[in-house]
Amino acid sequence: MKLHKISIALAAGSAVLAAGMSTASAKDELGAVTALQQTNTIAKAFIETFLKASNAANGPVKIKYVGGQEVVPPRKAANALKRGQFDLLSCPTAYYIGTVPEGYAMLAANQGPRALRANGAWEILEEVYMKKAGGKLLAWGESMTSYNTYLTVMPKFDANGVPDLTGLKMRATGTYRPLFRALGASTINIKSSEIFTALQRGTVVGFGFPDVAVVAIGLHKIIKYRITPNYYQTNQVLTVNPGVWNGLTRAQQDFLKKEALRYETDSVKWLEVQRVKEEKQLAEAGVKDIALKGDAAARYLDIAHQEIWKQLKERSEYHDKLKPLMYVPGKPNRQVDIGRALRQ
């Protein structure tokens, strides 16, 4: 009888010890990496509106900035997160679009993260990122950052007034490659930190880039033309190592989810201020707009977006589920009215 009581006591003690170890093993500080350069305006938006703002809230978990491309090459960042090299990753899905082609759906969507959380698309994306990237999808930040095409030479135009890039070499990631190839260009993979040198040497004569990040890395000093209108919206996402996420307490998880929702809105507002500043700086640098109008603009945007949906259809078994939830026919791009888009 005594032996039985001792066994029960030992078992109870072990359970308490295990519970204590589990609690103690929960991380109080998470390491975060940005796949973009620290000087990139989008990376700064993450640091300011998520990392610093979350720490200022004095929640149950802190976030430490580990670094940017000096920590891991951008195209290897998603795998590094999966391996547990760090805990959180802020990264455009474009850098691992071959692994997660569903990132294309974010590019061409005219719905925002709030709408996707309401209509069920977010749950599908969570499944996708866990299954294919091995990461817990926490937030879609900077979602209204859009893109433009920048050139050092004046392009030719087809009979409809759409830019014809035949014979031109363009720097591209998975974000821009479908569009540039559809317009006739050949594309080259070059890190964003090396675009300036590539333009200087004539390795490429143009590139696609977010509308808030050109000035930060000095590209306004070398480009001569910008084609408008803008297109897409960034597929910049914040993912967490699943093991780390599962090791957090409920209070820590709830805190990060709450901060993620705030960040999705605050990052858009923060970047809109930067975009307005950059517009003035581009003009002062002498960058000229090739402003497509009417039918030419409509055709240009149609090529851009249809090429992206085509890529998704060819590469993803989730195309038929995601497109109806993320794209509403006849609805304008979210960049048309930033105030209305923030309410989505």
Protein backbone atom coordinates (compact mmCIF):
# COMPACT_ATOMS: atom_id res chain seq x y z
CA MET A 1 0.00 0.00 0.00
CA LYS A 2 2.82 2.38 0.88
CA LEU A 3 4.62 1.49 -2.33
CA HIS A 4 1.45 2.28 -4.29
CA LYS A 5 1.16 5.67 -2.58
CA ILE A 6 4.80 6.45 -3.26
CA SER A 7 4.33 5.57 -6.95
CA ILE A 8 1.32 7.89 -7.15
CA ALA A 9 3.27 10.65 -5.45
CA LEU A 10 6.22 10.21 -7.79
CA ALA A 11 3.94 10.22 -10.81
CA ALA A 12 2.23 13.37 -9.59
CA GLY A 13 5.59 14.97 -8.91
CA SER A 14 6.80 14.05 -12.39
CA ALA A 15 3.69 15.59 -13.93
CA VAL A 16 4.24 18.81 -12.00
CA LEU A 17 7.92 18.85 -13.00
CA ALA A 18 7.03 18.20 -16.63
CA ALA A 19 4.48 20.97 -16.55
CA GLY A 20 7.06 23.29 -15.01
CA MET A 21 9.62 22.37 -17.65
CA SER A 22 7.08 22.92 -20.40
CA THR A 23 6.26 26.37 -19.08
CA ALA A 24 9.90 27.21 -18.56
CA SER A 25 10.77 26.05 -22.09
CA ALA A 26 8.26 28.46 -23.66
CA LYS A 27 10.21 31.26 -25.32
CA ASP A 28 9.98 34.74 -23.88
CA GLU A 29 11.86 36.26 -26.84
CA LEU A 30 11.60 35.38 -30.52
CA GLY A 31 14.22 36.12 -33.16
CA ALA A 32 12.93 37.76 -36.34
CA VAL A 33 14.59 38.06 -39.77
CA THR A 34 13.64 40.16 -42.80
CA ALA A 35 14.41 38.64 -46.20
CA LEU A 36 14.66 42.17 -47.58
CA GLN A 37 17.59 44.46 -46.87
CA GLN A 38 17.34 46.36 -43.60
CA THR A 39 17.38 49.57 -45.65
CA ASN A 40 14.39 48.47 -47.71
CA THR A 41 11.33 50.55 -46.82
CA ILE A 42 9.13 47.45 -46.57
CA ALA A 43 11.55 45.86 -44.11
CA LYS A 44 11.49 49.09 -42.12
CA ALA A 45 7.68 48.97 -42.07
CA PHE A 46 7.83 45.52 -40.46
CA ILE A 47 10.43 46.63 -37.93
CA GLU A 48 8.52 49.79 -36.99
CA THR A 49 4.89 48.63 -37.06
CA PHE A 50 5.24 45.03 -35.89
CA LEU A 51 8.50 44.40 -34.11
CA LYS A 52 8.93 47.68 -32.25
CA ALA A 53 5.21 48.27 -31.75
CA SER A 54 4.68 44.76 -30.35
CA ASN A 55 7.57 45.17 -27.93
CA ALA A 56 6.21 48.53 -26.82
CA ALA A 57 2.92 46.82 -25.91
CA ASN A 58 4.76 44.92 -23.13
CA GLY A 59 3.08 41.63 -23.94
CA PRO A 60 4.03 38.12 -22.78
CA VAL A 61 6.61 37.68 -25.54
CA LYS A 62 9.27 39.99 -26.99
CA ILE A 63 10.70 40.04 -30.50
CA LYS A 64 14.37 40.62 -31.25
CA TYR A 65 15.50 41.71 -34.69
CA VAL A 66 18.23 39.30 -35.84
CA GLY A 67 18.92 40.93 -39.21
CA GLY A 68 18.24 40.86 -42.94
CA GLN A 69 20.00 39.45 -45.99
CA GLU A 70 23.30 39.28 -44.11
CA VAL A 71 21.76 36.52 -41.96
CA VAL A 72 20.53 34.34 -44.82
CA PRO A 73 20.17 34.81 -48.61
CA PRO A 74 16.56 35.81 -49.35
CA ARG A 75 15.75 32.75 -51.46
CA LYS A 76 16.94 30.47 -48.65
CA ALA A 77 15.15 32.30 -45.86
CA ALA A 78 11.95 30.20 -45.86
CA ASN A 79 13.93 26.96 -45.52
CA ALA A 80 16.07 28.52 -42.79
CA LEU A 81 12.91 29.35 -40.84
CA LYS A 82 11.66 25.80 -41.33
CA ARG A 83 14.97 24.45 -39.98
CA GLY A 84 14.65 26.64 -36.90
CA GLN A 85 17.57 28.96 -37.67
CA PHE A 86 15.34 31.77 -36.34
CA ASP A 87 11.73 32.08 -35.17
CA LEU A 88 9.90 34.60 -37.37
CA LEU A 89 10.37 35.58 -41.00
CA SER A 90 9.11 38.66 -42.83
CA CYS A 91 9.51 37.81 -46.50
CA PRO A 92 7.86 38.21 -49.90
CA THR A 93 6.52 34.85 -51.04
CA ALA A 94 8.06 35.80 -54.40
CA TYR A 95 11.39 34.57 -53.03
CA TYR A 96 10.02 31.04 -52.67
CA ILE A 97 7.19 31.11 -55.20
CA GLY A 98 8.34 27.77 -56.59
CA THR A 99 7.55 26.19 -53.24
CA VAL A 100 4.41 28.21 -52.51
CA PRO A 101 2.89 29.25 -55.86
CA GLU A 102 -0.22 30.33 -53.96
CA GLY A 103 1.70 33.53 -53.27
CA TYR A 104 0.61 34.47 -56.79
CA ALA A 105 -2.98 34.70 -55.53
CA MET A 106 -1.98 37.46 -53.13
CA LEU A 107 -0.28 39.40 -55.91
CA ALA A 108 -3.31 39.47 -58.17
CA ALA A 109 -6.00 39.64 -55.47
CA ASN A 110 -8.26 42.66 -55.10
CA GLN A 111 -9.30 41.55 -51.62
CA GLY A 112 -7.33 42.41 -48.48
CA PRO A 113 -6.38 40.29 -45.47
CA ARG A 114 -9.40 41.38 -43.45
CA ALA A 115 -11.77 40.15 -46.16
CA LEU A 116 -9.83 36.90 -46.52
CA ARG A 117 -10.07 36.20 -42.80
CA ALA A 118 -13.84 36.66 -43.05
CA ASN A 119 -14.53 34.61 -46.19
CA GLY A 120 -12.43 31.53 -45.39
CA ALA A 121 -9.50 32.17 -47.74
CA TRP A 122 -7.15 32.79 -44.82
CA GLU A 123 -7.69 29.28 -43.47
CA ILE A 124 -6.78 27.88 -46.88
CA LEU A 125 -3.63 30.00 -47.00
CA GLU A 126 -2.69 28.86 -43.49
CA GLU A 127 -2.99 25.27 -44.68
CA VAL A 128 -0.90 26.04 -47.76
CA TYR A 129 1.96 27.74 -45.90
CA MET A 130 2.13 25.00 -43.29
CA LYS A 131 2.01 22.22 -45.87
CA LYS A 132 4.37 23.69 -48.46
CA ALA A 133 6.64 26.12 -46.63
CA GLY A 134 6.57 24.51 -43.20
CA GLY A 135 5.60 27.82 -41.59
CA LYS A 136 2.72 29.12 -39.52
CA LEU A 137 1.15 32.02 -41.46
CA LEU A 138 0.67 34.84 -38.97
CA ALA A 139 0.12 38.01 -41.03
CA TRP A 140 -0.01 39.51 -44.50
CA GLY A 141 1.77 42.79 -43.92
CA GLU A 142 2.26 45.82 -46.17
CA SER A 143 -0.50 44.36 -48.35
CA MET A 144 -1.25 47.50 -50.33
CA THR A 145 2.28 48.12 -51.48
CA SER A 146 2.07 47.86 -55.26
CA TYR A 147 4.62 47.69 -58.06
CA ASN A 148 5.87 49.65 -61.04
CA THR A 149 8.18 48.93 -63.94
CA TYR A 150 11.36 51.04 -64.00
CA LEU A 151 13.72 51.50 -66.97
CA THR A 152 16.93 53.23 -67.99
CA VAL A 153 15.80 53.28 -71.64
CA MET A 154 12.60 54.31 -73.42
CA PRO A 155 10.73 51.15 -74.48
CA LYS A 156 8.99 50.51 -77.77
CA PHE A 157 5.20 50.20 -77.86
CA ASP A 158 2.90 47.82 -79.70
CA ALA A 159 -0.04 48.84 -81.88
CA ASN A 160 -2.25 49.13 -78.77
CA GLY A 161 0.15 51.42 -76.92
CA VAL A 162 1.34 48.70 -74.54
CA PRO A 163 5.10 48.63 -73.77
CA ASP A 164 6.99 46.14 -75.92
CA LEU A 165 10.08 44.90 -74.06
CA THR A 166 11.28 42.57 -76.79
CA GLY A 167 15.06 42.36 -76.75
CA LEU A 168 15.41 44.00 -73.33
CA LYS A 169 16.92 42.29 -70.29
CA MET A 170 15.00 42.87 -67.08
CA ARG A 171 15.84 42.01 -63.50
CA ALA A 172 12.97 39.96 -62.11
CA THR A 173 11.82 37.78 -59.25
CA GLY A 174 8.82 35.47 -59.49
CA THR A 175 6.64 38.53 -58.98
CA TYR A 176 7.54 40.22 -62.27
CA ARG A 177 8.80 37.40 -64.45
CA PRO A 178 5.39 36.42 -65.93
CA LEU A 179 4.59 40.02 -66.91
CA PHE A 180 8.00 40.87 -68.36
CA ARG A 181 8.15 37.69 -70.41
CA ALA A 182 4.63 38.30 -71.68
CA LEU A 183 5.85 41.74 -72.84
CA GLY A 184 8.75 40.12 -74.68
CA ALA A 185 11.67 40.67 -72.27
CA SER A 186 14.25 38.18 -71.09
CA THR A 187 14.66 38.07 -67.32
CA ILE A 188 17.60 37.67 -64.95
CA ASN A 189 17.61 36.82 -61.24
CA ILE A 190 19.57 39.48 -59.33
CA LYS A 191 19.42 40.33 -55.64
CA SER A 192 17.81 43.68 -54.91
CA SER A 193 21.08 44.89 -53.39
CA GLU A 194 22.81 44.31 -56.75
CA ILE A 195 20.29 46.01 -59.07
CA PHE A 196 22.14 49.34 -59.11
CA THR A 197 25.40 47.74 -60.25
CA ALA A 198 23.58 45.62 -62.83
CA LEU A 199 22.02 48.77 -64.31
CA GLN A 200 25.37 50.56 -64.32
CA ARG A 201 27.01 47.71 -66.20
CA GLY A 202 24.11 47.26 -68.61
CA THR A 203 23.49 43.71 -67.44
CA VAL A 204 19.82 44.74 -67.29
CA VAL A 205 18.03 47.90 -68.43
CA GLY A 206 15.08 47.70 -66.07
CA PHE A 207 13.29 45.99 -63.25
CA GLY A 208 10.03 45.78 -61.36
CA PHE A 209 9.95 47.05 -57.79
CA PRO A 210 7.61 48.14 -54.99
CA ASP A 211 6.39 51.72 -55.21
CA VAL A 212 7.88 52.57 -51.82
CA ALA A 213 11.37 51.10 -51.98
CA VAL A 214 13.30 52.57 -54.92
CA VAL A 215 14.72 55.64 -53.17
CA ALA A 216 15.84 53.76 -50.05
CA ILE A 217 18.44 51.81 -52.02
CA GLY A 218 19.40 54.66 -54.36
CA LEU A 219 17.83 53.38 -57.56
CA HIS A 220 16.21 56.75 -58.29
CA LYS A 221 19.70 58.03 -59.12
CA ILE A 222 20.05 55.76 -62.14
CA ILE A 223 16.58 55.03 -63.53
CA LYS A 224 15.11 57.37 -66.15
CA TYR A 225 11.57 56.11 -66.68
CA ARG A 226 8.71 54.63 -64.66
CA ILE A 227 5.79 52.94 -66.39
CA THR A 228 2.41 53.56 -64.78
CA PRO A 229 -0.21 52.48 -63.74
CA ASN A 230 0.99 50.40 -60.83
CA TYR A 231 0.02 46.74 -60.53
CA TYR A 232 -0.36 43.90 -57.99
CA GLN A 233 -0.03 44.10 -54.24
CA THR A 234 2.88 42.68 -52.32
CA ASN A 235 2.73 39.12 -51.02
CA GLN A 236 4.87 40.03 -48.03
CA VAL A 237 3.98 37.60 -45.24
CA LEU A 238 5.03 36.98 -41.66
CA THR A 239 5.52 33.31 -40.83
CA VAL A 240 6.55 31.52 -37.64
CA ASN A 241 8.47 28.29 -37.17
CA PRO A 242 5.72 25.73 -36.29
CA GLY A 243 7.68 24.17 -33.43
CA VAL A 244 8.25 27.57 -31.91
CA TRP A 245 4.59 28.52 -32.36
CA ASN A 246 3.36 25.31 -30.74
CA GLY A 247 5.75 25.87 -27.86
CA LEU A 248 4.27 29.25 -27.01
CA THR A 249 1.67 29.62 -24.31
CA ARG A 250 -1.92 30.42 -25.26
CA ALA A 251 -1.43 33.95 -23.91
CA GLN A 252 1.65 34.43 -26.12
CA GLN A 253 -0.13 33.11 -29.21
CA ASP A 254 -3.17 35.31 -28.59
CA PHE A 255 -0.92 38.34 -28.13
CA LEU A 256 0.89 37.70 -31.43
CA LYS A 257 -2.40 37.16 -33.28
CA LYS A 258 -3.72 40.45 -31.93
CA GLU A 259 -0.53 42.26 -32.89
CA ALA A 260 -0.66 40.67 -36.35
CA LEU A 261 -4.10 42.16 -37.01
CA ARG A 262 -2.96 45.59 -35.87
CA TYR A 263 0.20 45.33 -37.96
CA GLU A 264 -1.72 44.46 -41.13
CA THR A 265 -3.44 47.85 -40.95
CA ASP A 266 -0.67 49.96 -39.41
CA SER A 267 1.93 48.82 -41.94
CA VAL A 268 -0.26 49.99 -44.82
CA LYS A 269 -0.77 53.42 -43.24
CA TRP A 270 2.95 53.76 -42.44
CA LEU A 271 3.97 52.87 -45.98
CA GLU A 272 1.48 55.24 -47.58
CA VAL A 273 3.30 58.12 -45.87
CA GLN A 274 6.59 56.82 -47.28
CA ARG A 275 5.09 56.39 -50.76
CA VAL A 276 3.98 60.02 -50.89
CA LYS A 277 7.49 61.11 -49.90
CA GLU A 278 9.05 58.87 -52.53
CA GLU A 279 6.83 60.28 -55.28
CA LYS A 280 8.35 63.70 -54.65
CA GLN A 281 11.89 62.33 -54.53
CA LEU A 282 11.48 60.50 -57.83
CA ALA A 283 10.22 63.67 -59.49
CA GLU A 284 13.11 65.69 -58.05
CA ALA A 285 15.57 63.09 -59.39
CA GLY A 286 14.19 63.62 -62.89
CA VAL A 287 12.49 60.24 -63.29
CA LYS A 288 9.85 60.60 -66.01
CA ASP A 289 6.55 58.75 -66.01
CA ILE A 290 5.45 56.80 -69.05
CA ALA A 291 1.80 57.11 -68.08
CA LEU A 292 -0.37 54.65 -69.97
CA LYS A 293 -3.95 55.80 -70.40
CA GLY A 294 -7.30 54.36 -71.43
CA ASP A 295 -7.20 51.15 -73.42
CA ALA A 296 -3.39 50.88 -73.22
CA ALA A 297 -3.47 51.04 -69.42
CA ALA A 298 -6.33 48.53 -69.24
CA ARG A 299 -4.50 46.09 -71.54
CA TYR A 300 -1.24 46.48 -69.58
CA LEU A 301 -2.98 45.71 -66.27
CA ASP A 302 -4.94 42.86 -67.81
CA ILE A 303 -1.72 41.25 -69.07
CA ALA A 304 -0.10 41.69 -65.66
CA HIS A 305 -2.93 40.14 -63.68
CA GLN A 306 -3.98 37.41 -66.10
CA GLU A 307 -0.39 36.17 -66.37
CA ILE A 308 -0.33 35.79 -62.59
CA TRP A 309 -3.62 33.89 -62.42
CA LYS A 310 -2.36 31.71 -65.27
CA GLN A 311 0.74 30.84 -63.23
CA LEU A 312 -1.43 29.95 -60.24
CA LYS A 313 -3.69 27.72 -62.32
CA GLU A 314 -0.72 25.87 -63.80
CA ARG A 315 1.11 25.38 -60.51
CA SER A 316 -1.46 25.14 -57.73
CA GLU A 317 -4.16 22.66 -56.85
CA TYR A 318 -5.71 25.45 -54.75
CA HIS A 319 -6.43 27.76 -57.70
CA ASP A 320 -10.13 26.97 -57.95
CA LYS A 321 -10.61 27.48 -54.21
CA LEU A 322 -8.59 30.66 -53.84
CA LYS A 323 -9.40 32.76 -56.90
CA PRO A 324 -13.16 33.16 -56.22
CA LEU A 325 -12.38 34.24 -52.64
CA MET A 326 -9.50 36.55 -53.43
CA TYR A 327 -10.59 38.18 -56.68
CA VAL A 328 -13.96 39.86 -57.28
CA PRO A 329 -14.53 40.53 -61.02
CA GLY A 330 -15.23 44.16 -61.80
CA LYS A 331 -13.88 45.37 -58.49
CA PRO A 332 -10.96 47.85 -58.82
CA ASN A 333 -7.51 47.17 -57.46
CA ARG A 334 -7.18 47.96 -53.77
CA GLN A 335 -4.67 50.72 -54.50
CA VAL A 336 -7.40 52.86 -56.10
CA ASP A 337 -8.74 53.99 -52.73
CA ILE A 338 -6.48 53.29 -49.78
CA GLY A 339 -9.10 54.35 -47.23
CA ARG A 340 -11.72 51.98 -48.60
CA ALA A 341 -9.19 49.17 -48.94
CA LEU A 342 -8.18 49.45 -45.28
CA ARG A 343 -11.77 48.75 -44.35
CA GLN A 344 -11.85 45.49 -46.30
